C-alpha atoms as a PDB file:
ATOM      1  CA  MET A   1     -25.017 -15.595   1.845  1.00  0.00           C
ATOM      2  CA  SER A   2     -25.266 -11.618   1.056  1.00  0.00           C
ATOM      3  CA  ALA A   3     -24.310 -10.343  -1.797  1.00  0.00           C
ATOM      4  CA  PHE A   4     -22.751  -7.305  -0.230  1.00  0.00           C
ATOM      5  CA  SER A   5     -20.419  -6.866   2.517  1.00  0.00           C
ATOM      6  CA  GLY A   6     -18.310  -4.358   4.416  1.00  0.00           C
ATOM      7  CA  CYS A   7     -14.534  -4.284   3.985  1.00  0.00           C
ATOM      8  CA  PHE A   8     -11.784  -2.812   6.315  1.00  0.00           C
ATOM      9  CA  ASP A   9      -7.976  -2.629   5.611  1.00  0.00           C
ATOM     10  CA  ILE A  10      -5.120  -1.164   7.564  1.00  0.00           C
ATOM     11  CA  SER A  11      -1.606  -1.345   5.724  1.00  0.00           C
ATOM     12  CA  LEU A  12       1.722   0.016   7.476  1.00  0.00           C
ATOM     13  CA  SER A  13       4.787   0.084   5.643  1.00  0.00           C
ATOM     14  CA  ARG A  14       8.452   1.050   6.372  1.00  0.00           C
ATOM     15  CA  ILE A  15      10.264   2.886   3.897  1.00  0.00           C
ATOM     16  CA  THR A  16      14.107   3.522   3.969  1.00  0.00           C
ATOM     17  CA  SER A  17      16.610   4.659   1.037  1.00  0.00           C
ATOM     18  CA  SER A  18      19.839   6.113   0.791  1.00  0.00           C
ATOM     19  CA  ALA A  19      21.953   8.194  -1.832  1.00  0.00           C
ATOM     20  CA  GLN A  20      25.241   9.160  -2.529  1.00  0.00           C
ATOM     21  CA  SER A  21      26.532  12.377  -4.462  1.00  0.00           C
ATOM     22  CA  LEU A  22      29.853  13.425  -5.364  1.00  0.00           C
ATOM     23  CA  ASN A  23      30.901  17.368  -4.779  1.00  0.00           C
ATOM     24  CA  GLU A  24      33.152  19.403  -6.997  1.00  0.00           C
ATOM     25  CA  ASP A  25      36.256  18.664  -4.505  1.00  0.00           C
ATOM     26  CA  ASN A  26      35.643  15.046  -4.663  1.00  0.00           C
ATOM     27  CA  SER A  27      33.982  14.786  -1.464  1.00  0.00           C
ATOM     28  CA  VAL A  28      30.871  11.980  -0.981  1.00  0.00           C
ATOM     29  CA  ASN A  29      27.693  13.463   0.357  1.00  0.00           C
ATOM     30  CA  VAL A  30      25.499  10.401   1.737  1.00  0.00           C
ATOM     31  CA  PHE A  31      21.821  11.065   2.181  1.00  0.00           C
ATOM     32  CA  LYS A  32      19.520   8.652   4.251  1.00  0.00           C
ATOM     33  CA  HIS A  33      15.885   8.694   4.412  1.00  0.00           C
ATOM     34  CA  SER A  34      13.504   6.755   6.308  1.00  0.00           C
ATOM     35  CA  GLY A  35       9.747   6.692   7.250  1.00  0.00           C
ATOM     36  CA  THR A  36       6.428   4.755   8.350  1.00  0.00           C
ATOM     37  CA  MET A  37       3.327   5.005   6.215  1.00  0.00           C
ATOM     38  CA  LEU A  38      -0.138   3.820   7.551  1.00  0.00           C
ATOM     39  CA  SER A  39      -3.447   3.856   5.444  1.00  0.00           C
ATOM     40  CA  GLY A  40      -6.458   2.536   5.664  1.00  0.00           C
ATOM     41  CA  LYS A  41      -9.475   1.695   3.362  1.00  0.00           C
ATOM     42  CA  LEU A  42     -13.093   1.260   4.052  1.00  0.00           C
ATOM     43  CA  GLY A  43     -15.333  -0.130   1.605  1.00  0.00           C
ATOM     44  CA  ILE A  44     -18.236  -2.010   0.273  1.00  0.00           C
ATOM     45  CA  ARG A  45     -17.900  -5.274  -1.430  1.00  0.00           C
ATOM     46  CA  TYR A  46     -20.448  -7.126  -3.966  1.00  0.00           C
ATOM     47  CA  THR A  47     -19.820 -10.755  -4.836  1.00  0.00           C
ATOM     48  CA  TYR A  48     -21.731 -12.560  -7.623  1.00  0.00           C
ATOM     49  CA  PRO A  49     -23.332 -15.009  -5.684  1.00  0.00           C
ATOM     50  CA  LYS A  50     -23.824 -17.685  -8.579  1.00  0.00           C
ATOM     51  CA  GLY A  51     -21.666 -20.250  -9.892  1.00  0.00           C
ATOM     52  CA  MET A  52     -18.392 -22.158  -8.795  1.00  0.00           C
ATOM     53  CA  ILE A  53     -16.358 -19.269  -9.399  1.00  0.00           C
ATOM     54  CA  LEU A  54     -17.357 -15.915  -7.314  1.00  0.00           C
ATOM     55  CA  PRO A  55     -15.985 -12.816  -8.580  1.00  0.00           C
ATOM     56  CA  PHE A  56     -16.494  -9.554  -6.364  1.00  0.00           C
ATOM     57  CA  ALA A  57     -16.027  -5.745  -6.883  1.00  0.00           C
ATOM     58  CA  GLU A  58     -15.195  -3.369  -4.386  1.00  0.00           C
ATOM     59  CA  LEU A  59     -15.790   0.566  -3.900  1.00  0.00           C
END
């Protein structure tokens, strides 16, 4: 087993929120927001190869 390996991660998140505000004339405004976020990560991982527990570090 090699101690170095490559890693690749893709994350997709959907975010929604809403808020209300009260105007001076006592009317209510409702604000709704939504979006989708896509992020990716590419890196190198080192795994300590000795012992029963194998800790690792990523860059």
